[in-house]
Amino acid sequence: MGQGQPNPAALHDYDPAWPREAQRRLDAMRERLADLPGAADAHYDHIGSTAVPGLAAKPNLDLQIRILPLPKDDAMFERLGDLGYQRAGGTRPDSPGVYRDIPRGSEQVDDAVWEKSIFVHQADRVIVHVRRLDSPWGRYTVWFRDWLRAHPDQRDRYEAMKRRLSAENAGKSDYDDYTRAKTAFFNEVQAEFELWGRRTQDNQG
């Protein structure tokens, strides 16, 4: 199972400092991007496993900016480059979710909504997913996060799968295969968390 080998998908126990650092980063980016078109309506989210208390995770902070129109890469770099963020290109030509999200979910939408970009702070292990405000993926990431927070049994089941996949990916050069393998869990629970998210959204509205 790759014991003793380097593991790019290695998991760390949940760290309560993650949300505080995520918020600090989001606040700094919100300030830097305030002059972009659509900035007044943009959403800044802490997503991914580091945003779910009690869930083991790769120690990478996944952050999300939802904005319309989607900013050009050079506009983003002009504002974030001196903070240490660079446009990500993926470790492989087919790395998932770098330039476009893989379409999923029940919504029938224009193909353009899946466009995205990713900026990374390599030294501090921060990944910033920049999506359109009307991206279904943008909503799904928040719904999935909140669904896991509200359902500890599903959080624990997800962690068990992540630990198994992490062990299986020891010795690989990147965690692309680990990311793809997690899709099986998303496929299994997509309808459930999507329904939960819509109901929660309606109740809050």
Protein backbone atom coordinates (compact mmCIF):
# COMPACT_ATOMS: atom_id res chain seq x y z
CA MET A 1 0.00 0.00 0.00
CA GLY A 2 2.98 2.30 -0.44
CA GLN A 3 3.99 2.54 3.21
CA GLY A 4 7.07 4.70 3.70
CA GLN A 5 6.76 6.30 0.26
CA PRO A 6 6.10 10.02 -0.31
CA ASN A 7 2.39 10.66 -0.57
CA PRO A 8 1.09 13.87 -2.21
CA ALA A 9 -2.40 12.88 -0.98
CA ALA A 10 -1.30 12.53 2.65
CA LEU A 11 -4.02 13.56 5.10
CA HIS A 12 -3.67 15.55 8.31
CA ASP A 13 -6.04 15.58 11.26
CA TYR A 14 -8.39 18.56 11.30
CA ASP A 15 -6.75 21.78 12.48
CA PRO A 16 -9.04 24.47 13.97
CA ALA A 17 -6.58 27.10 12.71
CA TRP A 18 -7.58 26.35 9.11
CA PRO A 19 -10.84 28.38 9.09
CA ARG A 20 -9.18 31.38 10.71
CA GLU A 21 -6.38 31.40 8.14
CA ALA A 22 -8.89 30.89 5.34
CA GLN A 23 -10.90 33.91 6.45
CA ARG A 24 -7.78 36.03 6.69
CA ARG A 25 -6.87 35.09 3.13
CA LEU A 26 -10.38 35.69 1.82
CA ASP A 27 -10.57 39.11 3.45
CA ALA A 28 -7.26 40.12 1.86
CA MET A 29 -8.40 38.98 -1.59
CA ARG A 30 -11.78 40.69 -1.23
CA GLU A 31 -9.97 43.97 -0.59
CA ARG A 32 -7.60 43.51 -3.53
CA LEU A 33 -10.37 42.56 -5.99
CA ALA A 34 -12.87 45.24 -4.94
CA ASP A 35 -12.48 47.22 -8.18
CA LEU A 36 -13.24 44.31 -10.51
CA PRO A 37 -16.54 44.25 -12.43
CA GLY A 38 -19.04 42.23 -10.40
CA ALA A 39 -17.02 42.50 -7.18
CA ALA A 40 -19.92 44.00 -5.22
CA ASP A 41 -21.92 40.78 -5.66
CA ALA A 42 -19.02 38.33 -5.43
CA HIS A 43 -18.94 35.50 -2.87
CA TYR A 44 -15.79 34.45 -1.02
CA ASP A 45 -15.95 30.92 0.39
CA HIS A 46 -13.79 28.54 2.39
CA ILE A 47 -14.53 25.16 0.78
CA GLY A 48 -13.11 21.66 0.72
CA SER A 49 -12.25 19.37 3.59
CA THR A 50 -10.35 21.99 5.61
CA ALA A 51 -13.71 23.80 5.94
CA VAL A 52 -15.42 20.83 7.65
CA PRO A 53 -14.69 20.56 11.40
CA GLY A 54 -13.44 17.12 12.38
CA LEU A 55 -12.60 16.03 8.84
CA ALA A 56 -9.06 14.93 7.98
CA ALA A 57 -7.68 16.75 4.95
CA LYS A 58 -4.68 17.48 2.82
CA PRO A 59 -3.26 20.62 4.46
CA ASN A 60 -4.17 22.77 1.46
CA LEU A 61 -6.63 25.60 2.02
CA ASP A 62 -9.26 25.49 -0.73
CA LEU A 63 -10.81 28.91 -1.23
CA GLN A 64 -13.41 30.00 -3.76
CA ILE A 65 -14.29 33.28 -5.42
CA ARG A 66 -17.62 33.40 -7.24
CA ILE A 67 -17.87 36.43 -9.49
CA LEU A 68 -19.52 37.50 -12.75
CA PRO A 69 -18.07 38.22 -15.19
CA LEU A 70 -15.19 35.79 -14.69
CA PRO A 71 -12.03 37.95 -14.45
CA LYS A 72 -9.22 37.55 -16.93
CA ASP A 73 -6.10 35.86 -15.59
CA ASP A 74 -3.97 38.95 -16.02
CA ALA A 75 -6.47 41.05 -14.04
CA MET A 76 -6.32 38.54 -11.19
CA PHE A 77 -2.53 38.35 -11.23
CA GLU A 78 -2.22 42.13 -11.31
CA ARG A 79 -4.10 42.28 -8.00
CA LEU A 80 -2.93 39.09 -6.29
CA GLY A 81 0.54 38.44 -7.67
CA ASP A 82 2.40 40.44 -5.05
CA LEU A 83 0.60 38.41 -2.37
CA GLY A 84 2.26 35.29 -3.77
CA TYR A 85 -0.52 33.89 -5.95
CA GLN A 86 0.20 32.44 -9.39
CA ARG A 87 -2.06 31.00 -12.10
CA ALA A 88 -2.12 27.22 -11.77
CA GLY A 89 -1.65 25.05 -14.82
CA GLY A 90 -2.11 21.59 -13.32
CA THR A 91 0.53 18.92 -12.89
CA ARG A 92 -0.67 17.07 -16.02
CA PRO A 93 -2.26 18.22 -19.30
CA ASP A 94 -5.49 16.53 -18.18
CA SER A 95 -5.45 17.59 -14.52
CA PRO A 96 -9.11 17.84 -13.48
CA GLY A 97 -10.84 21.14 -12.82
CA VAL A 98 -8.04 23.52 -13.76
CA TYR A 99 -9.58 25.41 -16.68
CA ARG A 100 -13.11 24.00 -16.56
CA ASP A 101 -15.21 22.10 -14.08
CA ILE A 102 -16.54 18.74 -15.17
CA PRO A 103 -20.28 19.24 -15.70
CA ARG A 104 -22.40 17.53 -13.05
CA GLY A 105 -25.68 17.87 -11.20
CA SER A 106 -29.30 18.23 -12.27
CA GLU A 107 -29.23 21.72 -13.76
CA GLN A 108 -29.41 22.38 -17.49
CA VAL A 109 -27.05 25.29 -18.03
CA ASP A 110 -25.07 27.00 -20.75
CA ASP A 111 -21.70 25.35 -21.34
CA ALA A 112 -19.86 28.56 -20.51
CA VAL A 113 -20.77 28.39 -16.81
CA TRP A 114 -18.20 25.61 -16.24
CA GLU A 115 -15.27 27.91 -17.09
CA LYS A 116 -12.95 28.69 -14.18
CA SER A 117 -9.38 29.48 -13.22
CA ILE A 118 -7.20 28.47 -10.31
CA PHE A 119 -4.60 30.54 -8.54
CA VAL A 120 -2.23 29.01 -6.02
CA HIS A 121 0.09 30.15 -3.29
CA GLN A 122 2.58 27.31 -3.48
CA ALA A 123 4.60 28.20 -0.39
CA ASP A 124 1.56 28.45 1.87
CA ARG A 125 -0.46 25.66 0.20
CA VAL A 126 -3.47 27.80 -0.72
CA ILE A 127 -5.64 26.98 -3.74
CA VAL A 128 -8.08 29.61 -5.02
CA HIS A 129 -10.87 28.41 -7.33
CA VAL A 130 -12.26 31.32 -9.34
CA ARG A 131 -15.69 30.49 -10.71
CA ARG A 132 -18.55 32.37 -12.28
CA LEU A 133 -21.20 33.53 -9.84
CA ASP A 134 -23.77 31.44 -11.74
CA SER A 135 -21.62 28.29 -11.73
CA PRO A 136 -23.49 25.25 -10.37
CA TRP A 137 -20.14 23.92 -9.14
CA GLY A 138 -19.77 27.06 -7.06
CA ARG A 139 -23.01 26.27 -5.26
CA TYR A 140 -22.26 22.55 -5.04
CA THR A 141 -18.98 23.11 -3.20
CA VAL A 142 -20.77 25.18 -0.55
CA TRP A 143 -23.73 22.79 -0.28
CA PHE A 144 -21.45 19.77 -0.01
CA ARG A 145 -19.40 21.49 2.71
CA ASP A 146 -22.49 22.43 4.70
CA TRP A 147 -24.10 19.02 4.17
CA LEU A 148 -21.02 17.31 5.62
CA ARG A 149 -21.04 19.72 8.56
CA ALA A 150 -24.68 18.86 9.24
CA HIS A 151 -24.26 15.09 8.80
CA PRO A 152 -21.35 13.74 10.89
CA ASP A 153 -22.07 10.18 9.75
CA GLN A 154 -21.50 11.17 6.12
CA ARG A 155 -18.43 13.19 7.09
CA ASP A 156 -16.96 10.10 8.75
CA ARG A 157 -17.84 7.90 5.77
CA TYR A 158 -16.18 10.40 3.45
CA GLU A 159 -13.08 10.47 5.65
CA ALA A 160 -12.82 6.69 5.64
CA MET A 161 -12.86 6.69 1.84
CA LYS A 162 -10.30 9.51 1.71
CA ARG A 163 -7.94 7.62 4.01
CA ARG A 164 -8.20 4.50 1.88
CA LEU A 165 -7.55 6.43 -1.33
CA SER A 166 -4.70 8.34 0.28
CA ALA A 167 -2.95 5.09 1.17
CA GLU A 168 -3.48 3.77 -2.35
CA ASN A 169 -1.86 6.88 -3.84
CA ALA A 170 1.34 6.78 -1.81
CA GLY A 171 4.38 7.00 -4.07
CA LYS A 172 2.63 8.87 -6.91
CA SER A 173 3.98 12.14 -8.26
CA ASP A 174 0.75 14.12 -7.71
CA TYR A 175 -2.72 13.69 -6.26
CA ASP A 176 -4.69 13.82 -9.54
CA ASP A 177 -5.65 10.14 -9.30
CA TYR A 178 -6.76 10.66 -5.70
CA THR A 179 -8.93 13.60 -6.81
CA ARG A 180 -10.51 11.59 -9.61
CA ALA A 181 -11.19 8.61 -7.35
CA LYS A 182 -13.11 10.79 -4.89
CA THR A 183 -15.63 11.44 -7.67
CA ALA A 184 -17.26 8.12 -6.84
CA PHE A 185 -18.39 9.52 -3.48
CA PHE A 186 -19.63 12.76 -5.04
CA ASN A 187 -21.60 10.79 -7.63
CA GLU A 188 -23.18 8.71 -4.90
CA VAL A 189 -24.30 11.65 -2.74
CA GLN A 190 -24.83 14.38 -5.37
CA ALA A 191 -28.62 14.11 -5.47
CA GLU A 192 -28.86 14.01 -1.68
CA PHE A 193 -26.70 17.04 -0.89
CA GLU A 194 -28.12 18.97 -3.85
CA LEU A 195 -31.67 18.43 -2.58
CA TRP A 196 -30.56 19.32 0.96
CA GLY A 197 -28.83 22.46 -0.32
CA ARG A 198 -31.88 23.66 -2.23
CA ARG A 199 -34.17 23.06 0.72
CA THR A 200 -31.79 24.86 3.07
CA GLN A 201 -31.48 27.74 0.62
CA ASP A 202 -35.28 27.99 0.35
CA ASN A 203 -35.68 27.96 4.13
CA GLN A 204 -33.12 30.72 4.51
CA GLY A 205 -34.74 32.77 1.76
